[in-house]
Amino acid sequence: MIHKSARPRGRPRSFDETGALEKATQVFWSKGYDGVTIDDLVEGMGVGRPSLYAVFGDKRAIFLRVLRAYAERKGASAAKALLSPQSLRDSIAGFLRYAVESATEKGSARGCLMMCVAPLVDDAEVQRFLKSSAASGAALVERRFRDGISEREIPSNFPVAARAIQVTDLARGLTMRAQIGTPRKTLLKDAEQAAELVLLPRRV
């Protein structure tokens, strides 16, 4: 006897969830958080309203998912640039170059979603996420500096914590300058010079 397999209930999804979230990123980029409506997301994501609510939730829930996915993707790439096996100077320069390259990527809005859109969102969970992400970024740079101490590239009294914050501040500054239209070539040159500055010996 042949038994027919049970069919799954409901209609299968006719869209790519990851792709839809990437499209939502562009919607928030173009209009900011407050300027985006559900109709904008329905149109931009290519998802029907019932499916949008069922799969993603409301605008706030969509933005949080977009923000987390964006931070994970960017964070992984930044970590790769920073922790690749090369000199400390080249690692810091690579981290800052990545900030410039991602902020001036063709086909994307200038700047960074986490620096240019999310800080303006009046939501406690969004703000907590941004603070946590900033702390994680500084900790990653601090780790690279400590590796530099172990490899005797910098002295043991190098101000690791302070310089790590300076590096992440420099990355944010380069990103903001990209948003106002500073040419990529200029920003890349400044990134190289900034890497030299943060490695200057500690003043006594």
N, C-alpha and C. Protein backbone atom coordinates (compact mmCIF):
# COMPACT_ATOMS: atom_id res chain seq x y z
N MET A 1 0.86 -1.19 0.00
CA MET A 1 0.00 0.00 0.00
C MET A 1 0.89 1.24 0.00
N ILE A 2 0.53 2.17 -0.85
CA ILE A 2 1.30 3.41 -0.94
C ILE A 2 0.61 4.49 -0.13
N HIS A 3 1.37 5.08 0.78
CA HIS A 3 0.81 6.15 1.62
C HIS A 3 1.25 7.49 1.07
N LYS A 4 0.31 8.35 0.85
CA LYS A 4 0.64 9.70 0.37
C LYS A 4 1.19 10.53 1.53
N SER A 5 2.28 11.21 1.28
CA SER A 5 2.86 12.06 2.32
C SER A 5 1.97 13.26 2.55
N ALA A 6 1.86 13.68 3.81
CA ALA A 6 1.00 14.81 4.14
C ALA A 6 1.59 16.10 3.60
N ARG A 7 0.77 16.92 3.05
CA ARG A 7 1.23 18.21 2.53
C ARG A 7 1.35 19.22 3.66
N PRO A 8 2.34 20.05 3.62
CA PRO A 8 2.46 21.08 4.67
C PRO A 8 1.31 22.06 4.59
N ARG A 9 0.88 22.47 5.73
CA ARG A 9 -0.24 23.42 5.78
C ARG A 9 0.21 24.80 5.33
N GLY A 10 -0.71 25.51 4.72
CA GLY A 10 -0.43 26.88 4.29
C GLY A 10 0.36 26.90 3.00
N ARG A 11 0.42 28.05 2.38
CA ARG A 11 1.15 28.22 1.13
C ARG A 11 2.63 28.42 1.41
N PRO A 12 3.51 27.86 0.57
CA PRO A 12 4.94 28.08 0.79
C PRO A 12 5.30 29.54 0.56
N ARG A 13 6.35 30.01 1.23
CA ARG A 13 6.77 31.39 1.05
C ARG A 13 7.30 31.59 -0.36
N SER A 14 6.89 32.69 -0.96
CA SER A 14 7.30 32.97 -2.33
C SER A 14 8.38 34.05 -2.38
N PHE A 15 9.10 34.22 -1.26
CA PHE A 15 10.14 35.24 -1.22
C PHE A 15 11.31 34.76 -0.38
N ASP A 16 12.44 35.38 -0.61
CA ASP A 16 13.66 35.08 0.13
C ASP A 16 13.71 36.00 1.34
N GLU A 17 13.67 35.41 2.53
CA GLU A 17 13.60 36.22 3.75
C GLU A 17 14.84 37.09 3.93
N THR A 18 16.02 36.52 3.67
CA THR A 18 17.25 37.29 3.80
C THR A 18 17.28 38.42 2.78
N GLY A 19 16.89 38.11 1.56
CA GLY A 19 16.85 39.14 0.52
C GLY A 19 15.87 40.25 0.84
N ALA A 20 14.74 39.88 1.43
CA ALA A 20 13.73 40.87 1.80
C ALA A 20 14.27 41.82 2.87
N LEU A 21 15.05 41.27 3.81
CA LEU A 21 15.64 42.11 4.85
C LEU A 21 16.69 43.06 4.27
N GLU A 22 17.43 42.58 3.29
CA GLU A 22 18.42 43.44 2.63
C GLU A 22 17.72 44.59 1.91
N LYS A 23 16.59 44.30 1.31
CA LYS A 23 15.81 45.35 0.65
C LYS A 23 15.26 46.34 1.68
N ALA A 24 14.87 45.82 2.84
CA ALA A 24 14.37 46.70 3.91
C ALA A 24 15.47 47.65 4.36
N THR A 25 16.71 47.18 4.37
CA THR A 25 17.84 48.04 4.73
C THR A 25 17.88 49.26 3.83
N GLN A 26 17.70 49.06 2.54
CA GLN A 26 17.72 50.17 1.58
C GLN A 26 16.56 51.12 1.81
N VAL A 27 15.41 50.58 2.21
CA VAL A 27 14.25 51.43 2.50
C VAL A 27 14.54 52.35 3.68
N PHE A 28 15.08 51.78 4.75
CA PHE A 28 15.41 52.60 5.93
C PHE A 28 16.52 53.59 5.60
N TRP A 29 17.46 53.19 4.74
CA TRP A 29 18.52 54.09 4.32
C TRP A 29 17.95 55.31 3.60
N SER A 30 17.00 55.06 2.71
CA SER A 30 16.52 56.14 1.85
C SER A 30 15.61 57.12 2.57
N LYS A 31 14.90 56.65 3.60
CA LYS A 31 13.90 57.51 4.25
C LYS A 31 14.13 57.71 5.74
N GLY A 32 15.12 57.02 6.30
CA GLY A 32 15.29 57.10 7.74
C GLY A 32 14.22 56.27 8.43
N TYR A 33 14.34 56.10 9.73
CA TYR A 33 13.37 55.26 10.44
C TYR A 33 12.00 55.91 10.51
N ASP A 34 11.95 57.15 10.96
CA ASP A 34 10.66 57.81 11.15
C ASP A 34 9.91 58.02 9.84
N GLY A 35 10.65 58.18 8.75
CA GLY A 35 9.99 58.46 7.47
C GLY A 35 9.44 57.24 6.76
N VAL A 36 9.75 56.05 7.27
CA VAL A 36 9.31 54.81 6.62
C VAL A 36 7.93 54.40 7.12
N THR A 37 7.08 54.00 6.18
CA THR A 37 5.75 53.46 6.51
C THR A 37 5.71 51.98 6.17
N ILE A 38 4.69 51.30 6.66
CA ILE A 38 4.51 49.89 6.31
C ILE A 38 4.33 49.75 4.81
N ASP A 39 3.62 50.68 4.19
CA ASP A 39 3.46 50.62 2.73
C ASP A 39 4.82 50.69 2.02
N ASP A 40 5.72 51.52 2.54
CA ASP A 40 7.07 51.60 1.97
C ASP A 40 7.78 50.25 2.06
N LEU A 41 7.63 49.58 3.20
CA LEU A 41 8.29 48.29 3.40
C LEU A 41 7.66 47.21 2.53
N VAL A 42 6.35 47.23 2.42
CA VAL A 42 5.67 46.26 1.56
C VAL A 42 6.17 46.38 0.12
N GLU A 43 6.25 47.62 -0.35
CA GLU A 43 6.71 47.85 -1.71
C GLU A 43 8.20 47.54 -1.86
N GLY A 44 9.01 48.04 -0.94
CA GLY A 44 10.45 47.89 -1.05
C GLY A 44 10.93 46.46 -0.86
N MET A 45 10.27 45.72 0.03
CA MET A 45 10.69 44.35 0.32
C MET A 45 10.09 43.34 -0.65
N GLY A 46 9.06 43.77 -1.37
CA GLY A 46 8.40 42.85 -2.29
C GLY A 46 7.62 41.76 -1.59
N VAL A 47 7.06 42.08 -0.44
CA VAL A 47 6.32 41.13 0.38
C VAL A 47 4.92 41.67 0.61
N GLY A 48 3.93 40.82 0.50
CA GLY A 48 2.56 41.26 0.78
C GLY A 48 2.39 41.63 2.24
N ARG A 49 1.45 42.51 2.50
CA ARG A 49 1.24 42.97 3.88
C ARG A 49 0.99 41.83 4.87
N PRO A 50 0.11 40.86 4.55
CA PRO A 50 -0.10 39.76 5.51
C PRO A 50 1.18 38.98 5.80
N SER A 51 1.96 38.70 4.75
CA SER A 51 3.21 37.96 4.94
C SER A 51 4.22 38.78 5.72
N LEU A 52 4.24 40.08 5.46
CA LEU A 52 5.19 40.95 6.16
C LEU A 52 4.95 40.90 7.66
N TYR A 53 3.68 41.04 8.07
CA TYR A 53 3.38 41.02 9.49
C TYR A 53 3.62 39.62 10.08
N ALA A 54 3.26 38.57 9.31
CA ALA A 54 3.38 37.21 9.82
C ALA A 54 4.84 36.78 9.99
N VAL A 55 5.68 37.18 9.06
CA VAL A 55 7.08 36.73 9.07
C VAL A 55 8.00 37.70 9.81
N PHE A 56 7.79 38.99 9.61
CA PHE A 56 8.73 39.99 10.13
C PHE A 56 8.19 40.82 11.30
N GLY A 57 6.89 41.00 11.37
CA GLY A 57 6.32 41.83 12.43
C GLY A 57 6.10 43.27 11.97
N ASP A 58 6.03 44.18 12.93
CA ASP A 58 5.77 45.58 12.59
C ASP A 58 7.07 46.30 12.20
N LYS A 59 6.98 47.60 11.95
CA LYS A 59 8.14 48.36 11.50
C LYS A 59 9.30 48.28 12.48
N ARG A 60 9.01 48.40 13.75
CA ARG A 60 10.07 48.35 14.77
C ARG A 60 10.78 47.00 14.75
N ALA A 61 10.00 45.93 14.69
CA ALA A 61 10.59 44.59 14.67
C ALA A 61 11.45 44.38 13.42
N ILE A 62 10.98 44.90 12.30
CA ILE A 62 11.75 44.78 11.05
C ILE A 62 13.05 45.55 11.17
N PHE A 63 12.99 46.75 11.72
CA PHE A 63 14.21 47.55 11.83
C PHE A 63 15.22 46.86 12.74
N LEU A 64 14.77 46.29 13.85
CA LEU A 64 15.69 45.60 14.76
C LEU A 64 16.34 44.40 14.07
N ARG A 65 15.57 43.68 13.28
CA ARG A 65 16.15 42.56 12.54
C ARG A 65 17.16 43.04 11.50
N VAL A 66 16.80 44.10 10.81
CA VAL A 66 17.71 44.69 9.82
C VAL A 66 19.00 45.15 10.50
N LEU A 67 18.87 45.80 11.64
CA LEU A 67 20.03 46.34 12.34
C LEU A 67 20.96 45.22 12.81
N ARG A 68 20.39 44.17 13.37
CA ARG A 68 21.20 43.05 13.86
C ARG A 68 21.91 42.34 12.71
N ALA A 69 21.19 42.12 11.61
CA ALA A 69 21.80 41.46 10.45
C ALA A 69 22.91 42.32 9.86
N TYR A 70 22.66 43.61 9.79
CA TYR A 70 23.65 44.56 9.25
C TYR A 70 24.90 44.57 10.13
N ALA A 71 24.69 44.64 11.44
CA ALA A 71 25.83 44.69 12.38
C ALA A 71 26.63 43.40 12.33
N GLU A 72 25.96 42.27 12.22
CA GLU A 72 26.65 40.99 12.15
C GLU A 72 27.51 40.90 10.89
N ARG A 73 26.94 41.33 9.78
CA ARG A 73 27.68 41.27 8.50
C ARG A 73 28.88 42.21 8.50
N LYS A 74 28.64 43.44 8.93
CA LYS A 74 29.72 44.42 8.95
C LYS A 74 30.77 44.08 10.00
N GLY A 75 30.31 43.58 11.14
CA GLY A 75 31.24 43.23 12.21
C GLY A 75 32.18 42.11 11.80
N ALA A 76 31.65 41.12 11.10
CA ALA A 76 32.48 40.00 10.66
C ALA A 76 33.54 40.48 9.67
N SER A 77 33.16 41.37 8.78
CA SER A 77 34.12 41.88 7.79
C SER A 77 35.18 42.76 8.45
N ALA A 78 34.75 43.58 9.42
CA ALA A 78 35.70 44.44 10.12
C ALA A 78 36.69 43.60 10.93
N ALA A 79 36.20 42.55 11.57
CA ALA A 79 37.07 41.67 12.35
C ALA A 79 38.08 40.97 11.45
N LYS A 80 37.65 40.56 10.28
CA LYS A 80 38.55 39.92 9.33
C LYS A 80 39.67 40.87 8.91
N ALA A 81 39.30 42.13 8.66
CA ALA A 81 40.31 43.13 8.27
C ALA A 81 41.29 43.40 9.41
N LEU A 82 40.79 43.40 10.64
CA LEU A 82 41.63 43.76 11.78
C LEU A 82 42.51 42.60 12.25
N LEU A 83 41.99 41.39 12.21
CA LEU A 83 42.69 40.26 12.82
C LEU A 83 43.42 39.38 11.82
N SER A 84 43.49 39.79 10.58
CA SER A 84 44.25 39.00 9.61
C SER A 84 45.73 39.03 9.98
N PRO A 85 46.48 37.98 9.64
CA PRO A 85 47.89 37.90 10.05
C PRO A 85 48.78 38.88 9.29
N GLN A 86 48.98 40.02 9.88
CA GLN A 86 49.83 41.06 9.30
C GLN A 86 50.33 41.93 10.43
N SER A 87 51.10 42.95 10.10
CA SER A 87 51.64 43.83 11.15
C SER A 87 50.51 44.59 11.82
N LEU A 88 50.78 45.06 13.03
CA LEU A 88 49.79 45.82 13.77
C LEU A 88 49.38 47.07 13.00
N ARG A 89 50.35 47.75 12.44
CA ARG A 89 50.06 48.96 11.68
C ARG A 89 49.12 48.66 10.51
N ASP A 90 49.42 47.58 9.79
CA ASP A 90 48.59 47.21 8.64
C ASP A 90 47.20 46.76 9.09
N SER A 91 47.10 46.12 10.25
CA SER A 91 45.81 45.70 10.78
C SER A 91 44.92 46.90 11.08
N ILE A 92 45.50 47.90 11.77
CA ILE A 92 44.72 49.10 12.09
C ILE A 92 44.33 49.85 10.82
N ALA A 93 45.27 49.94 9.88
CA ALA A 93 44.98 50.60 8.61
C ALA A 93 43.89 49.85 7.86
N GLY A 94 43.96 48.52 7.89
CA GLY A 94 42.95 47.71 7.21
C GLY A 94 41.57 47.90 7.81
N PHE A 95 41.50 48.00 9.12
CA PHE A 95 40.24 48.23 9.83
C PHE A 95 39.64 49.57 9.41
N LEU A 96 40.47 50.60 9.35
CA LEU A 96 40.00 51.93 8.98
C LEU A 96 39.66 52.00 7.48
N ARG A 97 40.44 51.31 6.66
CA ARG A 97 40.12 51.26 5.23
C ARG A 97 38.78 50.59 5.00
N TYR A 98 38.51 49.54 5.78
CA TYR A 98 37.23 48.85 5.63
C TYR A 98 36.07 49.80 5.96
N ALA A 99 36.24 50.62 6.99
CA ALA A 99 35.20 51.59 7.34
C ALA A 99 34.92 52.51 6.16
N VAL A 100 35.96 52.96 5.50
CA VAL A 100 35.81 53.84 4.33
C VAL A 100 35.16 53.10 3.18
N GLU A 101 35.66 51.91 2.88
CA GLU A 101 35.16 51.16 1.72
C GLU A 101 33.70 50.78 1.88
N SER A 102 33.30 50.37 3.07
CA SER A 102 31.90 49.99 3.28
C SER A 102 30.98 51.21 3.27
N ALA A 103 31.52 52.37 3.69
CA ALA A 103 30.71 53.59 3.71
C ALA A 103 30.59 54.24 2.35
N THR A 104 31.45 53.84 1.41
CA THR A 104 31.43 54.44 0.07
C THR A 104 31.16 53.38 -1.00
N GLU A 105 30.60 52.27 -0.57
CA GLU A 105 30.33 51.16 -1.50
C GLU A 105 29.33 51.57 -2.56
N LYS A 106 29.63 51.25 -3.81
CA LYS A 106 28.74 51.59 -4.91
C LYS A 106 27.41 50.85 -4.77
N GLY A 107 26.32 51.58 -5.06
CA GLY A 107 25.00 50.98 -4.97
C GLY A 107 24.38 51.05 -3.60
N SER A 108 25.12 51.57 -2.62
CA SER A 108 24.60 51.70 -1.26
C SER A 108 24.60 53.17 -0.84
N ALA A 109 23.76 53.47 0.14
CA ALA A 109 23.75 54.83 0.67
C ALA A 109 25.07 55.09 1.38
N ARG A 110 25.50 56.34 1.34
CA ARG A 110 26.76 56.68 1.99
C ARG A 110 26.62 56.59 3.51
N GLY A 111 27.71 56.20 4.12
CA GLY A 111 27.73 56.15 5.58
C GLY A 111 27.46 54.75 6.11
N CYS A 112 26.89 54.66 7.27
CA CYS A 112 26.65 53.37 7.94
C CYS A 112 25.30 53.43 8.63
N LEU A 113 24.51 52.39 8.47
CA LEU A 113 23.18 52.35 9.06
C LEU A 113 23.25 52.54 10.57
N MET A 114 24.29 51.97 11.21
CA MET A 114 24.40 52.04 12.66
C MET A 114 24.87 53.40 13.15
N MET A 115 25.44 54.19 12.28
CA MET A 115 25.96 55.49 12.69
C MET A 115 25.12 56.66 12.18
N CYS A 116 24.44 56.43 11.06
CA CYS A 116 23.74 57.55 10.42
C CYS A 116 22.22 57.46 10.51
N VAL A 117 21.68 56.28 10.80
CA VAL A 117 20.22 56.12 10.90
C VAL A 117 19.80 55.69 12.30
N ALA A 118 20.39 54.61 12.79
CA ALA A 118 19.97 54.04 14.08
C ALA A 118 20.08 54.99 15.27
N PRO A 119 21.15 55.83 15.37
CA PRO A 119 21.24 56.72 16.54
C PRO A 119 20.07 57.69 16.66
N LEU A 120 19.35 57.94 15.58
CA LEU A 120 18.23 58.88 15.61
C LEU A 120 16.91 58.21 16.01
N VAL A 121 16.94 56.90 16.18
CA VAL A 121 15.72 56.16 16.53
C VAL A 121 15.50 56.23 18.04
N ASP A 122 14.36 56.75 18.43
CA ASP A 122 14.02 56.91 19.84
C ASP A 122 13.43 55.60 20.38
N ASP A 123 14.32 54.65 20.63
CA ASP A 123 13.89 53.34 21.11
C ASP A 123 14.98 52.79 22.01
N ALA A 124 14.62 52.39 23.21
CA ALA A 124 15.61 51.96 24.20
C ALA A 124 16.37 50.72 23.73
N GLU A 125 15.69 49.77 23.09
CA GLU A 125 16.36 48.55 22.65
C GLU A 125 17.37 48.84 21.54
N VAL A 126 17.03 49.75 20.65
CA VAL A 126 17.95 50.14 19.59
C VAL A 126 19.19 50.79 20.20
N GLN A 127 18.98 51.68 21.16
CA GLN A 127 20.11 52.38 21.77
C GLN A 127 21.00 51.42 22.56
N ARG A 128 20.40 50.45 23.24
CA ARG A 128 21.20 49.45 23.97
C ARG A 128 22.03 48.63 22.99
N PHE A 129 21.44 48.29 21.87
CA PHE A 129 22.16 47.51 20.87
C PHE A 129 23.35 48.30 20.32
N LEU A 130 23.15 49.58 20.07
CA LEU A 130 24.23 50.41 19.55
C LEU A 130 25.38 50.52 20.55
N LYS A 131 25.05 50.70 21.83
CA LYS A 131 26.09 50.78 22.85
C LYS A 131 26.86 49.47 22.96
N SER A 132 26.14 48.36 22.91
CA SER A 132 26.78 47.05 23.00
C SER A 132 27.70 46.82 21.80
N SER A 133 27.24 47.22 20.62
CA SER A 133 28.05 47.05 19.41
C SER A 133 29.31 47.90 19.45
N ALA A 134 29.17 49.14 19.95
CA ALA A 134 30.33 50.02 20.06
C ALA A 134 31.36 49.44 21.04
N ALA A 135 30.87 48.91 22.15
CA ALA A 135 31.78 48.31 23.14
C ALA A 135 32.49 47.09 22.57
N SER A 136 31.76 46.29 21.79
CA SER A 136 32.35 45.10 21.18
C SER A 136 33.42 45.49 20.17
N GLY A 137 33.17 46.55 19.40
CA GLY A 137 34.15 47.01 18.43
C GLY A 137 35.43 47.48 19.09
N ALA A 138 35.29 48.25 20.17
CA ALA A 138 36.47 48.73 20.90
C ALA A 138 37.24 47.56 21.52
N ALA A 139 36.51 46.57 22.02
CA ALA A 139 37.16 45.41 22.64
C ALA A 139 37.96 44.62 21.59
N LEU A 140 37.44 44.56 20.37
CA LEU A 140 38.14 43.85 19.30
C LEU A 140 39.46 44.55 18.96
N VAL A 141 39.41 45.88 18.87
CA VAL A 141 40.63 46.63 18.58
C VAL A 141 41.61 46.50 19.75
N GLU A 142 41.10 46.54 20.96
CA GLU A 142 41.96 46.39 22.14
C GLU A 142 42.67 45.03 22.12
N ARG A 143 41.93 44.02 21.72
CA ARG A 143 42.53 42.68 21.61
C ARG A 143 43.70 42.70 20.63
N ARG A 144 43.52 43.40 19.50
CA ARG A 144 44.60 43.45 18.51
C ARG A 144 45.82 44.19 19.06
N PHE A 145 45.58 45.24 19.83
CA PHE A 145 46.70 45.95 20.44
C PHE A 145 47.44 45.05 21.43
N ARG A 146 46.70 44.27 22.20
CA ARG A 146 47.35 43.38 23.17
C ARG A 146 48.18 42.31 22.45
N ASP A 147 47.68 41.87 21.31
CA ASP A 147 48.48 40.95 20.50
C ASP A 147 49.77 41.64 20.04
N GLY A 148 49.66 42.93 19.73
CA GLY A 148 50.83 43.70 19.32
C GLY A 148 51.85 43.81 20.43
N ILE A 149 51.37 43.90 21.66
CA ILE A 149 52.29 43.93 22.81
C ILE A 149 52.99 42.58 22.93
N SER A 150 52.24 41.50 22.78
CA SER A 150 52.82 40.16 22.87
C SER A 150 53.88 39.94 21.80
N GLU A 151 53.65 40.54 20.62
CA GLU A 151 54.60 40.38 19.51
C GLU A 151 55.70 41.44 19.55
N ARG A 152 55.70 42.25 20.61
CA ARG A 152 56.71 43.30 20.79
C ARG A 152 56.70 44.36 19.68
N GLU A 153 55.50 44.58 19.10
CA GLU A 153 55.36 45.64 18.10
C GLU A 153 55.15 47.00 18.77
N ILE A 154 54.60 46.97 19.97
CA ILE A 154 54.40 48.18 20.76
C ILE A 154 54.81 47.87 22.19
N PRO A 155 55.19 48.89 22.97
CA PRO A 155 55.66 48.65 24.34
C PRO A 155 54.54 48.19 25.27
N SER A 156 54.92 47.59 26.37
CA SER A 156 53.94 47.03 27.31
C SER A 156 53.09 48.10 27.98
N ASN A 157 53.60 49.35 28.02
CA ASN A 157 52.83 50.43 28.65
C ASN A 157 51.98 51.20 27.63
N PHE A 158 51.82 50.64 26.46
CA PHE A 158 50.99 51.30 25.43
C PHE A 158 49.56 51.43 25.96
N PRO A 159 48.93 52.61 25.81
CA PRO A 159 47.57 52.84 26.34
C PRO A 159 46.51 52.13 25.51
N VAL A 160 46.41 50.84 25.70
CA VAL A 160 45.58 49.97 24.86
C VAL A 160 44.12 50.41 24.82
N ALA A 161 43.50 50.58 25.98
CA ALA A 161 42.06 50.89 26.02
C ALA A 161 41.77 52.24 25.37
N ALA A 162 42.57 53.25 25.71
CA ALA A 162 42.34 54.59 25.16
C ALA A 162 42.53 54.62 23.65
N ARG A 163 43.57 53.95 23.15
CA ARG A 163 43.83 53.96 21.72
C ARG A 163 42.78 53.13 20.96
N ALA A 164 42.26 52.10 21.59
CA ALA A 164 41.21 51.31 20.94
C ALA A 164 39.97 52.16 20.71
N ILE A 165 39.62 52.97 21.70
CA ILE A 165 38.47 53.87 21.54
C ILE A 165 38.76 54.91 20.47
N GLN A 166 40.00 55.39 20.42
CA GLN A 166 40.38 56.36 19.39
C GLN A 166 40.23 55.76 17.99
N VAL A 167 40.61 54.50 17.83
CA VAL A 167 40.49 53.85 16.52
C VAL A 167 39.03 53.75 16.09
N THR A 168 38.17 53.33 17.00
CA THR A 168 36.75 53.21 16.64
C THR A 168 36.13 54.59 16.40
N ASP A 169 36.60 55.59 17.15
CA ASP A 169 36.12 56.96 16.90
C ASP A 169 36.57 57.45 15.52
N LEU A 170 37.79 57.11 15.15
CA LEU A 170 38.29 57.48 13.82
C LEU A 170 37.48 56.80 12.73
N ALA A 171 37.12 55.55 12.94
CA ALA A 171 36.30 54.82 11.96
C ALA A 171 34.94 55.50 11.80
N ARG A 172 34.36 55.91 12.92
CA ARG A 172 33.06 56.61 12.85
C ARG A 172 33.21 57.96 12.14
N GLY A 173 34.30 58.66 12.44
CA GLY A 173 34.53 59.95 11.79
C GLY A 173 34.69 59.82 10.28
N LEU A 174 35.41 58.81 9.84
CA LEU A 174 35.58 58.58 8.41
C LEU A 174 34.25 58.24 7.76
N THR A 175 33.44 57.47 8.48
CA THR A 175 32.12 57.10 7.96
C THR A 175 31.23 58.33 7.81
N MET A 176 31.23 59.20 8.80
CA MET A 176 30.41 60.41 8.73
C MET A 176 30.89 61.32 7.61
N ARG A 177 32.18 61.40 7.40
CA ARG A 177 32.70 62.23 6.30
C ARG A 177 32.31 61.65 4.95
N ALA A 178 32.22 60.33 4.88
CA ALA A 178 31.75 59.70 3.65
C ALA A 178 30.30 60.10 3.37
N GLN A 179 29.50 60.20 4.43
CA GLN A 179 28.09 60.54 4.26
C GLN A 179 27.91 61.93 3.68
N ILE A 180 28.80 62.85 3.99
CA ILE A 180 28.65 64.21 3.47
C ILE A 180 29.38 64.40 2.14
N GLY A 181 29.89 63.29 1.58
CA GLY A 181 30.40 63.35 0.24
C GLY A 181 31.90 63.48 0.07
N THR A 182 32.68 63.32 1.13
CA THR A 182 34.14 63.35 0.99
C THR A 182 34.58 62.21 0.08
N PRO A 183 35.41 62.48 -0.92
CA PRO A 183 35.82 61.43 -1.87
C PRO A 183 36.48 60.24 -1.19
N ARG A 184 36.22 59.06 -1.71
CA ARG A 184 36.80 57.83 -1.18
C ARG A 184 38.33 57.90 -1.16
N LYS A 185 38.92 58.43 -2.22
CA LYS A 185 40.38 58.50 -2.31
C LYS A 185 40.95 59.31 -1.15
N THR A 186 40.30 60.42 -0.82
CA THR A 186 40.75 61.26 0.29
C THR A 186 40.63 60.51 1.61
N LEU A 187 39.50 59.84 1.80
CA LEU A 187 39.27 59.12 3.05
C LEU A 187 40.23 57.97 3.23
N LEU A 188 40.56 57.26 2.15
CA LEU A 188 41.51 56.16 2.25
C LEU A 188 42.91 56.66 2.63
N LYS A 189 43.28 57.80 2.09
CA LYS A 189 44.56 58.41 2.45
C LYS A 189 44.57 58.80 3.92
N ASP A 190 43.47 59.38 4.38
CA ASP A 190 43.37 59.78 5.78
C ASP A 190 43.38 58.56 6.70
N ALA A 191 42.80 57.45 6.26
CA ALA A 191 42.80 56.23 7.06
C ALA A 191 44.22 55.73 7.29
N GLU A 192 45.05 55.80 6.26
CA GLU A 192 46.45 55.38 6.39
C GLU A 192 47.20 56.27 7.38
N GLN A 193 46.97 57.56 7.30
CA GLN A 193 47.65 58.50 8.20
C GLN A 193 47.16 58.32 9.63
N ALA A 194 45.87 58.04 9.78
CA ALA A 194 45.31 57.83 11.12
C ALA A 194 45.93 56.61 11.79
N ALA A 195 46.19 55.57 11.01
CA ALA A 195 46.81 54.36 11.56
C ALA A 195 48.20 54.68 12.12
N GLU A 196 48.90 55.57 11.47
CA GLU A 196 50.23 55.97 11.96
C GLU A 196 50.09 56.74 13.28
N LEU A 197 49.10 57.60 13.35
CA LEU A 197 48.94 58.45 14.53
C LEU A 197 48.62 57.65 15.79
N VAL A 198 47.71 56.66 15.68
CA VAL A 198 47.30 55.93 16.88
C VAL A 198 48.41 55.02 17.41
N LEU A 199 49.43 54.79 16.61
CA LEU A 199 50.52 53.94 17.06
C LEU A 199 51.72 54.71 17.60
N LEU A 200 51.58 56.04 17.66
CA LEU A 200 52.65 56.85 18.25
C LEU A 200 52.87 56.45 19.70
N PRO A 201 54.11 56.46 20.17
CA PRO A 201 54.40 56.07 21.56
C PRO A 201 53.65 56.96 22.55
N ARG A 202 53.41 56.37 23.70
CA ARG A 202 52.74 57.09 24.78
C ARG A 202 53.64 58.20 25.30
N ARG A 203 53.02 59.37 25.48
CA ARG A 203 53.79 60.49 26.02
C ARG A 203 53.99 60.33 27.51
N VAL A 204 55.19 60.64 27.95
CA VAL A 204 55.50 60.50 29.39
C VAL A 204 55.06 61.73 30.14
